[in-house]
Protein backbone atom coordinates (compact mmCIF):
# COMPACT_ATOMS: atom_id res chain seq x y z
CA MET A 1 42.31 -21.18 -25.07
CA ILE A 2 44.48 -20.73 -28.45
CA SER A 3 45.08 -23.60 -30.52
CA ASP A 4 48.78 -24.32 -31.72
CA GLN A 5 47.41 -26.20 -34.36
CA LEU A 6 48.04 -24.54 -37.72
CA ASP A 7 45.69 -24.29 -40.41
CA ALA A 8 46.77 -26.51 -43.25
CA PRO A 9 47.71 -24.67 -46.01
CA THR A 10 45.07 -24.50 -49.32
CA ARG A 11 46.13 -26.61 -52.00
CA ARG A 12 46.49 -24.67 -55.41
CA PRO A 13 43.86 -26.44 -57.79
CA THR A 14 45.37 -28.27 -60.49
CA LEU A 15 44.56 -27.24 -64.03
CA SER A 16 42.43 -30.14 -64.97
CA GLU A 17 40.45 -29.44 -61.62
CA VAL A 18 39.93 -25.86 -62.63
CA LEU A 19 38.74 -26.77 -66.40
CA SER A 20 36.45 -29.57 -65.20
CA ALA A 21 34.74 -27.22 -62.76
CA LEU A 22 34.46 -24.67 -65.29
CA ALA A 23 32.87 -26.91 -67.81
CA ALA A 24 30.31 -28.29 -65.45
CA THR A 25 29.12 -25.20 -64.18
CA TRP A 26 29.17 -22.66 -66.78
CA ASP A 27 25.53 -21.75 -67.85
CA GLN A 28 25.93 -19.94 -70.74
CA PRO A 29 25.70 -21.00 -74.63
CA ARG A 30 29.09 -19.63 -75.39
CA ILE A 31 32.09 -18.75 -73.19
CA SER A 32 34.56 -16.05 -74.68
CA VAL A 33 38.64 -15.70 -74.51
CA ALA A 34 38.10 -12.94 -71.76
CA GLN A 35 36.14 -15.15 -69.72
CA LEU A 36 38.59 -18.07 -70.21
CA MET A 37 41.21 -16.14 -69.30
CA THR A 38 39.74 -14.85 -66.37
CA ALA A 39 38.84 -18.58 -64.72
CA LEU A 40 42.41 -19.21 -65.30
CA GLY A 41 43.67 -16.63 -63.37
CA ASP A 42 47.48 -16.41 -63.19
CA ARG A 43 47.94 -19.62 -65.59
CA GLY A 44 45.41 -17.62 -67.92
CA LEU A 45 47.93 -17.01 -71.06
CA ILE A 46 49.66 -20.16 -71.06
CA GLY A 47 46.70 -22.18 -69.96
CA LEU A 48 44.57 -20.99 -72.71
CA LEU A 49 47.16 -21.30 -75.25
CA LEU A 50 47.16 -25.42 -74.09
CA ILE A 51 43.44 -25.28 -74.58
CA LEU A 52 43.78 -24.03 -77.94
CA ALA A 53 46.55 -26.16 -78.72
CA PHE A 54 44.63 -29.09 -77.72
CA ALA A 55 41.86 -28.28 -79.32
CA ASN A 56 43.72 -28.25 -82.78
CA VAL A 57 45.05 -31.83 -82.21
CA ILE A 58 41.24 -33.25 -81.90
CA PRO A 59 39.75 -34.02 -85.02
CA ASN A 60 37.73 -30.72 -86.08
CA PRO A 61 35.71 -29.48 -89.16
CA PRO A 62 37.97 -28.14 -91.97
CA GLY A 63 38.97 -24.63 -91.09
CA THR A 64 39.10 -24.46 -87.84
CA SER A 65 42.62 -24.45 -87.12
CA ALA A 66 42.70 -20.97 -88.67
CA VAL A 67 40.23 -19.93 -86.49
CA LEU A 68 41.54 -21.19 -83.13
CA GLY A 69 45.07 -20.47 -84.91
CA LEU A 70 44.63 -16.78 -84.71
CA PRO A 71 44.55 -16.52 -80.77
CA MET A 72 47.37 -18.76 -80.61
CA LEU A 73 49.26 -16.56 -82.71
CA TYR A 74 48.26 -13.24 -80.60
CA LEU A 75 49.04 -15.53 -77.27
CA SER A 76 52.62 -16.74 -78.38
CA TRP A 77 53.36 -12.95 -79.17
CA GLN A 78 52.12 -11.88 -75.57
CA LEU A 79 54.25 -14.62 -74.13
CA MET A 80 57.32 -13.54 -76.20
CA ARG A 81 57.03 -9.69 -75.37
CA GLY A 82 56.66 -10.57 -71.48
CA GLY A 83 54.80 -8.40 -69.30
CA MET A 84 51.00 -8.45 -68.32
CA PRO A 85 49.02 -10.17 -70.79
CA TRP A 86 46.61 -8.21 -72.64
CA LEU A 87 44.01 -8.98 -75.23
CA PRO A 88 42.33 -6.51 -77.79
CA ARG A 89 38.77 -6.30 -77.95
CA PHE A 90 38.21 -8.40 -80.76
CA LEU A 91 40.15 -11.04 -79.59
CA ALA A 92 38.60 -11.04 -76.28
CA ALA A 93 35.24 -11.42 -77.51
CA ARG A 94 36.15 -14.12 -79.68
CA SER A 95 34.05 -16.81 -78.34
CA PHE A 96 33.19 -21.00 -78.24
CA ASP A 97 29.90 -22.89 -77.97
CA ILE A 98 29.93 -24.34 -74.62
CA GLY A 99 29.43 -27.48 -75.93
CA HIS A 100 32.59 -27.73 -77.90
CA PHE A 101 34.43 -26.33 -75.34
CA ARG A 102 32.98 -29.08 -72.77
CA THR A 103 34.28 -31.65 -75.51
CA VAL A 104 37.52 -30.32 -75.77
CA VAL A 105 37.80 -30.73 -72.18
CA SER A 106 36.22 -34.27 -71.52
CA ARG A 107 38.67 -35.28 -74.06
CA ALA A 108 41.70 -33.80 -72.42
CA MET A 109 41.02 -34.83 -68.79
CA PRO A 110 42.41 -38.38 -68.97
CA TYR A 111 45.58 -37.07 -70.54
CA LEU A 112 45.64 -34.09 -68.72
CA ASN A 113 45.48 -35.99 -65.08
CA ARG A 114 48.01 -38.56 -66.12
CA VAL A 115 50.29 -35.95 -67.35
CA GLU A 116 49.61 -33.80 -64.35
CA ARG A 117 50.97 -36.57 -62.19
CA LEU A 118 54.47 -36.60 -64.12
CA LEU A 119 55.04 -33.02 -63.90
CA ARG A 120 57.07 -31.12 -61.53
CA PRO A 121 59.42 -28.37 -60.89
CA ARG A 122 62.72 -29.34 -62.92
CA LEU A 123 65.49 -27.37 -64.82
CA PRO A 124 64.46 -23.87 -63.36
CA ALA A 125 66.48 -22.39 -66.28
CA PHE A 126 64.11 -23.61 -68.68
CA SER A 127 61.01 -21.97 -67.35
CA GLY A 128 62.00 -18.39 -66.10
CA PRO A 129 60.98 -15.28 -67.38
CA SER A 130 63.69 -14.75 -70.20
CA ALA A 131 63.22 -18.70 -71.01
CA LYS A 132 59.67 -17.86 -71.43
CA LYS A 133 60.16 -15.33 -73.60
CA LEU A 134 61.89 -17.60 -75.72
CA LEU A 135 59.38 -20.38 -75.77
CA GLY A 136 56.69 -17.40 -76.77
CA GLY A 137 58.97 -16.88 -79.74
CA ILE A 138 59.16 -20.84 -80.89
CA CYS A 139 55.15 -20.71 -80.01
CA LEU A 140 54.80 -18.08 -82.63
CA ILE A 141 56.34 -20.12 -84.92
CA LEU A 142 54.48 -23.19 -84.52
CA SER A 143 51.41 -21.18 -84.51
CA ILE A 144 52.34 -19.64 -88.31
CA VAL A 145 52.84 -23.01 -89.22
CA LEU A 146 49.59 -24.20 -87.68
CA VAL A 147 47.65 -21.62 -89.36
CA LEU A 148 48.75 -22.42 -92.62
CA PRO A 149 46.30 -24.33 -95.33
CA ILE A 150 47.74 -27.77 -95.26
CA PRO A 151 45.57 -30.94 -94.54
CA PHE A 152 46.31 -32.20 -91.03
CA GLY A 153 49.10 -29.72 -90.76
CA ASN A 154 48.12 -28.31 -87.59
CA LEU A 155 48.63 -31.60 -85.46
CA LEU A 156 52.22 -31.82 -85.19
CA PRO A 157 52.44 -28.05 -83.91
CA ALA A 158 49.60 -28.25 -81.88
CA ALA A 159 50.93 -31.07 -80.13
CA ALA A 160 54.58 -29.45 -79.52
CA ILE A 161 52.65 -25.84 -78.31
CA ALA A 162 50.82 -28.46 -75.71
CA ILE A 163 53.66 -30.05 -74.52
CA ILE A 164 55.70 -26.43 -74.06
CA ALA A 165 52.59 -25.15 -72.29
CA LEU A 166 52.15 -28.17 -69.83
CA GLY A 167 55.63 -27.79 -68.73
CA ALA A 168 56.04 -24.01 -68.59
CA LEU A 169 52.39 -24.29 -66.46
CA GLU A 170 54.44 -26.61 -64.06
CA ARG A 171 57.93 -25.03 -64.35
CA ASP A 172 58.76 -28.53 -65.69
CA GLY A 173 62.05 -27.64 -67.75
CA ILE A 174 62.56 -31.35 -69.12
CA TRP A 175 58.69 -31.35 -70.74
CA ILE A 176 59.67 -27.86 -72.05
CA ALA A 177 63.04 -28.90 -73.77
CA GLY A 178 61.06 -31.82 -75.02
CA GLY A 179 58.14 -29.96 -76.37
CA VAL A 180 60.52 -27.26 -78.14
CA LEU A 181 62.62 -30.53 -79.45
CA PHE A 182 59.16 -31.88 -80.93
CA GLY A 183 58.57 -28.58 -82.33
CA ILE A 184 61.86 -28.22 -84.30
CA VAL A 185 61.24 -31.72 -85.46
CA SER A 186 57.85 -30.96 -86.43
CA THR A 187 58.48 -28.04 -88.53
CA VAL A 188 61.44 -29.64 -90.34
CA PHE A 189 58.70 -32.72 -91.21
CA MET A 190 56.37 -30.00 -92.54
CA ALA A 191 58.83 -28.27 -94.57
CA GLY A 192 59.87 -31.25 -95.97
CA ALA A 193 56.01 -32.52 -96.94
CA ILE A 194 55.86 -29.22 -98.45
CA VAL A 195 58.67 -29.52 -100.72
CA VAL A 196 57.79 -32.76 -101.98
CA VAL A 197 54.58 -31.78 -102.63
CA THR A 198 55.48 -29.05 -104.57
CA ARG A 199 57.94 -31.01 -106.60
CA ALA A 200 54.99 -33.11 -107.36
CA LEU A 201 52.87 -30.89 -108.15
CA LEU A 202 55.00 -29.27 -110.41
CA ARG A 203 55.82 -32.22 -112.35
CA LEU A 204 52.64 -32.90 -113.00
CA ILE A 205 51.53 -29.34 -114.37
CA GLY A 206 54.79 -29.83 -116.52
CA MET A 207 53.47 -33.05 -117.82
CA GLY A 208 50.12 -31.82 -118.38
CA LEU A 209 51.66 -28.80 -120.53
């Protein structure tokens, strides 16, 4: 007897489910960039960009933004150029302590779970192949700002990249547009802060002379 009932389609795990399972089951002391890319599958490039961006948002020891920002520069460039993502050996082998990775995941889960309920495909023109190349260029600029040696200067550009990546993962054009706008505002704010600080230092030096 042939059943007329068709099997229900398999639900695709959400990014939060993939990350939670990876953090819970990983049994090695460190996890490399290449291993993260493999675990995330077709969401590897943008998903990894999101993880690194969020890792820059939470408090970290001084200099962490420079370490985490270098892979973000390369991933943004890959997104901008399109095609299949490829990592050079020195970047693919870069690894993170699994304890730190679990901390990032555990801190991200409450926010990611809430956001995933809000994300849905909208404004497809913002998430098409050509748009993703443009988003890669924007993320590249934000990554350059992120790695500059400015105290707390990584927070705003990292948050903007995270918003863009979340929208790109679920093809949500509204979130993508919001992330781009936030990135522009953040970059202008950072540029203004640099100008103000530079002028203040020049005045102090002039007074000292």
